[in-house]
Amino acid sequence: MRREGARQLALELPHAESFRRDDFLASPSNAAALALVDSWPAWPDRIAAIVGPRGAGKSHLAAIWAERSGARIVDAASLVKAEVPRALATGALALEDLAPPRIDEAALFHLLNLAREEEAFILVTAKKRLDLEGFALADLASRLRAVPVVQLLPPDDALIAAVLVKLFADRQILVDKETVGFLTTRIERSLAAVRAIVARLDEASLSRGRRVTRMLAAELIREQESLF
């Protein structure tokens, strides 16, 4: 069980997840994306994309690559044409969460062209494949279809269990194998769901003054199911 001092600390400070390379949990579901990041700069193209659902690890991978490459990290929705040269100032850019219509397509097209001219590297993250999105600019859509894409696959049981253990440990919460096994088979098959249940259990543990156990986990899941 977490010490009272640690519990008080959790109430006072926001929880921050580490995006270091050593904290990334590898599995068959993310092996291709991790290999892409680790293989830089020996990429088949100077522009590459990692695609997967929310919470699958795209931002963690982008952060790992940015550390290796010296890249800036920019949210795709904030990209404007006037800032493109500055975005590529280090010769590498991680462009996060690319999705129309929340982007300036002219700015993105200029970014891709300038990156080619300056031989800069770009890593794009997106929830959906770039060739399936509805881009209005035909030339941009054509350019994006040519970008090599690595897909993050749904997590397997081993990865879900490992992420549960890690996120609980990050919050200084000790959980037994029974609780981890129960959660692994009961929650939605996504890393976003893992993060959500860990946060809810942490909050419930603090507010109810109880340890995180299989019983508490079952109560929360029943409460959530009763809402639907």
Protein backbone atom coordinates (compact mmCIF):
# COMPACT_ATOMS: atom_id res chain seq x y z
CA MET A 1 0.00 0.00 0.00
CA ARG A 2 1.14 3.52 -0.71
CA ARG A 3 2.58 5.42 2.26
CA GLU A 4 0.55 8.34 3.64
CA GLY A 5 3.32 10.77 2.66
CA ALA A 6 3.21 9.58 -0.92
CA ARG A 7 -0.59 9.81 -0.89
CA GLN A 8 -0.43 13.42 0.25
CA LEU A 9 2.15 14.18 -2.45
CA ALA A 10 -0.19 12.79 -5.10
CA LEU A 11 -2.86 15.22 -3.94
CA GLU A 12 -0.57 18.22 -4.17
CA LEU A 13 1.27 17.63 -7.43
CA PRO A 14 -0.06 16.78 -10.91
CA HIS A 15 0.92 13.37 -12.23
CA ALA A 16 3.39 13.47 -15.13
CA GLU A 17 4.02 10.43 -17.30
CA SER A 18 7.62 9.87 -18.39
CA PHE A 19 8.28 9.83 -22.14
CA ARG A 20 11.86 8.53 -21.92
CA ARG A 21 13.05 5.68 -24.14
CA ASP A 22 13.62 3.44 -21.11
CA ASP A 23 9.99 3.88 -20.08
CA PHE A 24 8.55 2.72 -23.40
CA LEU A 25 7.17 -0.81 -23.10
CA ALA A 26 7.88 -2.76 -26.28
CA SER A 27 5.58 -5.47 -27.58
CA PRO A 28 4.64 -7.06 -30.92
CA SER A 29 1.88 -4.44 -31.29
CA ASN A 30 4.33 -1.53 -31.38
CA ALA A 31 7.52 -3.24 -32.56
CA ALA A 32 7.43 -1.80 -36.09
CA ALA A 33 6.90 1.76 -34.86
CA LEU A 34 9.67 1.47 -32.27
CA ALA A 35 12.00 0.02 -34.91
CA LEU A 36 11.28 3.03 -37.14
CA VAL A 37 12.22 5.44 -34.34
CA ASP A 38 15.31 3.49 -33.35
CA SER A 39 16.52 3.15 -36.94
CA TRP A 40 16.70 6.91 -37.54
CA PRO A 41 18.40 8.41 -39.54
CA ALA A 42 18.53 5.29 -41.74
CA TRP A 43 14.95 5.78 -42.94
CA PRO A 44 13.74 4.80 -46.41
CA ASP A 45 12.38 8.35 -46.73
CA ARG A 46 12.96 11.60 -44.87
CA ILE A 47 9.27 11.75 -43.98
CA ALA A 48 7.53 8.96 -42.07
CA ALA A 49 4.26 8.50 -40.19
CA ILE A 50 3.13 6.54 -37.15
CA VAL A 51 -0.61 5.86 -37.06
CA GLY A 52 -2.73 4.51 -34.24
CA PRO A 53 -5.65 5.22 -31.90
CA ARG A 54 -5.58 7.75 -29.07
CA GLY A 55 -3.40 6.62 -26.20
CA ALA A 56 -1.56 3.97 -28.22
CA GLY A 57 1.88 5.50 -27.63
CA LYS A 58 2.30 7.85 -30.59
CA SER A 59 3.32 10.84 -28.48
CA HIS A 60 5.77 8.72 -26.49
CA LEU A 61 7.39 7.51 -29.70
CA ALA A 62 7.49 11.06 -31.06
CA ALA A 63 9.19 12.22 -27.87
CA ILE A 64 11.77 9.43 -28.09
CA TRP A 65 12.52 10.36 -31.70
CA ALA A 66 12.70 14.07 -30.86
CA GLU A 67 15.29 13.30 -28.18
CA ARG A 68 17.37 11.30 -30.66
CA SER A 69 17.05 13.70 -33.60
CA GLY A 70 16.88 17.09 -31.90
CA ALA A 71 13.46 17.60 -33.45
CA ARG A 72 10.95 20.17 -32.40
CA ILE A 73 7.48 18.86 -31.51
CA VAL A 74 4.56 20.80 -33.01
CA ASP A 75 0.84 20.11 -32.83
CA ALA A 76 -0.42 19.90 -36.42
CA ALA A 77 -3.40 22.12 -35.64
CA SER A 78 -1.09 24.99 -34.67
CA LEU A 79 1.01 24.91 -37.85
CA VAL A 80 0.83 28.11 -39.93
CA LYS A 81 2.72 28.92 -43.13
CA ALA A 82 4.74 31.79 -41.66
CA GLU A 83 6.14 29.50 -38.94
CA VAL A 84 7.20 26.64 -41.24
CA PRO A 85 10.87 27.71 -41.59
CA ARG A 86 11.18 28.03 -37.81
CA ALA A 87 9.54 24.63 -37.31
CA LEU A 88 12.28 23.06 -39.43
CA ALA A 89 15.11 25.09 -37.88
CA THR A 90 16.78 22.05 -36.29
CA GLY A 91 16.47 19.91 -39.43
CA ALA A 92 13.89 17.63 -37.81
CA LEU A 93 10.24 18.02 -36.81
CA ALA A 94 7.70 15.81 -35.04
CA LEU A 95 4.25 16.85 -36.29
CA GLU A 96 1.66 15.53 -33.85
CA ASP A 97 -1.98 14.54 -34.38
CA LEU A 98 -2.40 15.30 -38.07
CA ALA A 99 -6.08 15.30 -39.02
CA PRO A 100 -8.21 17.41 -41.35
CA PRO A 101 -10.07 19.68 -41.14
CA ARG A 102 -8.18 20.97 -38.09
CA ILE A 103 -5.03 21.83 -40.08
CA ASP A 104 -3.86 24.55 -42.46
CA GLU A 105 -3.38 22.46 -45.61
CA ALA A 106 -1.38 25.17 -47.39
CA ALA A 107 1.01 25.34 -44.44
CA LEU A 108 1.40 21.56 -44.39
CA PHE A 109 2.06 21.44 -48.14
CA HIS A 110 4.70 24.17 -47.74
CA LEU A 111 6.24 22.22 -44.84
CA LEU A 112 6.58 19.04 -46.88
CA ASN A 113 8.10 20.92 -49.83
CA LEU A 114 10.56 22.83 -47.66
CA ALA A 115 11.58 19.67 -45.84
CA ARG A 116 12.45 18.08 -49.19
CA GLU A 117 14.44 21.14 -50.25
CA GLU A 118 16.36 21.35 -46.98
CA GLU A 119 16.69 17.56 -46.57
CA ALA A 120 15.02 17.76 -43.18
CA PHE A 121 13.31 14.87 -41.39
CA ILE A 122 9.63 14.84 -40.40
CA LEU A 123 7.83 12.30 -38.21
CA VAL A 124 4.04 12.59 -38.43
CA THR A 125 1.62 11.06 -35.94
CA ALA A 126 -2.06 10.56 -36.73
CA LYS A 127 -5.05 8.54 -35.60
CA LYS A 128 -5.92 7.39 -39.13
CA ARG A 129 -3.91 6.46 -42.20
CA LEU A 130 -2.93 9.54 -44.17
CA ASP A 131 -4.21 8.08 -47.44
CA LEU A 132 -7.70 7.65 -45.95
CA GLU A 133 -8.17 11.20 -44.76
CA GLY A 134 -10.18 13.87 -46.60
CA PHE A 135 -7.64 16.48 -47.62
CA ALA A 136 -9.00 19.22 -49.89
CA LEU A 137 -5.70 19.98 -51.67
CA ALA A 138 -5.16 17.29 -54.29
CA ASP A 139 -1.38 17.83 -54.41
CA LEU A 140 -1.17 17.53 -50.62
CA ALA A 141 -3.24 14.34 -50.60
CA SER A 142 -0.98 12.87 -53.29
CA ARG A 143 2.14 13.80 -51.33
CA LEU A 144 0.80 12.26 -48.12
CA ARG A 145 -0.15 9.01 -49.86
CA ALA A 146 3.52 8.54 -50.67
CA VAL A 147 4.64 8.87 -47.02
CA PRO A 148 5.74 5.53 -45.49
CA VAL A 149 3.33 4.62 -42.67
CA VAL A 150 3.79 2.34 -39.66
CA GLN A 151 0.62 1.18 -37.92
CA LEU A 152 0.36 0.67 -34.17
CA LEU A 153 -1.63 -2.52 -33.64
CA PRO A 154 -4.11 -3.15 -30.79
CA PRO A 155 -2.23 -4.03 -27.57
CA ASP A 156 -2.01 -7.67 -26.48
CA ASP A 157 -2.66 -8.88 -22.92
CA ALA A 158 1.02 -8.80 -22.02
CA LEU A 159 1.38 -5.15 -23.01
CA ILE A 160 -1.82 -4.11 -21.22
CA ALA A 161 -0.65 -5.84 -18.04
CA ALA A 162 2.82 -4.28 -18.28
CA VAL A 163 1.39 -0.78 -18.81
CA LEU A 164 -0.97 -1.24 -15.86
CA VAL A 165 1.94 -2.16 -13.60
CA LYS A 166 4.06 0.75 -14.88
CA LEU A 167 1.35 3.40 -14.52
CA PHE A 168 0.45 2.23 -11.03
CA ALA A 169 4.15 2.30 -10.11
CA ASP A 170 4.45 5.84 -11.52
CA ARG A 171 1.78 6.83 -8.99
CA GLN A 172 3.50 4.91 -6.16
CA ILE A 173 0.65 2.39 -5.98
CA LEU A 174 1.42 -1.26 -5.28
CA VAL A 175 -0.98 -3.73 -6.90
CA ASP A 176 -0.99 -7.52 -6.81
CA LYS A 177 -1.07 -9.89 -9.77
CA GLU A 178 -4.72 -10.75 -9.16
CA THR A 179 -5.78 -7.11 -9.58
CA VAL A 180 -3.67 -6.66 -12.71
CA GLY A 181 -5.01 -9.89 -14.21
CA PHE A 182 -8.60 -8.90 -13.43
CA LEU A 183 -8.22 -5.48 -15.06
CA THR A 184 -6.43 -6.91 -18.10
CA THR A 185 -9.46 -9.03 -18.97
CA ARG A 186 -12.16 -6.49 -18.06
CA ILE A 187 -11.17 -3.14 -19.56
CA GLU A 188 -11.41 -1.97 -23.17
CA ARG A 189 -8.56 -3.21 -25.36
CA SER A 190 -6.71 0.10 -25.62
CA LEU A 191 -3.91 1.89 -23.80
CA ALA A 192 -6.19 4.91 -23.41
CA ALA A 193 -8.52 2.71 -21.35
CA VAL A 194 -5.55 1.54 -19.26
CA ARG A 195 -4.60 5.13 -18.44
CA ALA A 196 -8.20 5.99 -17.61
CA ILE A 197 -8.75 3.07 -15.19
CA VAL A 198 -5.45 3.71 -13.41
CA ALA A 199 -6.39 7.36 -12.89
CA ARG A 200 -9.87 6.41 -11.65
CA LEU A 201 -8.52 3.81 -9.25
CA ASP A 202 -5.96 6.24 -7.91
CA GLU A 203 -8.69 8.82 -7.29
CA ALA A 204 -11.01 6.23 -5.71
CA SER A 205 -8.24 4.93 -3.47
CA LEU A 206 -7.54 8.42 -2.16
CA SER A 207 -11.15 9.53 -1.78
CA ARG A 208 -12.36 6.29 -0.17
CA GLY A 209 -9.26 5.63 1.90
CA ARG A 210 -8.85 2.10 0.51
CA ARG A 211 -6.08 0.17 -1.17
CA VAL A 212 -6.23 -0.55 -4.88
CA THR A 213 -7.45 -4.15 -4.96
CA ARG A 214 -9.42 -6.46 -7.21
CA MET A 215 -12.52 -5.63 -5.16
CA LEU A 216 -12.13 -1.88 -5.63
CA ALA A 217 -11.47 -2.38 -9.35
CA ALA A 218 -14.61 -4.50 -9.69
CA GLU A 219 -16.68 -1.85 -7.90
CA LEU A 220 -15.50 0.90 -10.25
CA ILE A 221 -16.17 -1.18 -13.34
CA ARG A 222 -19.69 -2.03 -12.09
CA GLU A 223 -20.33 1.64 -11.37
CA GLN A 224 -19.23 2.58 -14.88
CA GLU A 225 -21.35 -0.15 -16.49
CA SER A 226 -24.41 1.02 -14.54
CA LEU A 227 -24.19 4.39 -16.29
CA PHE A 228 -24.89 2.83 -19.68
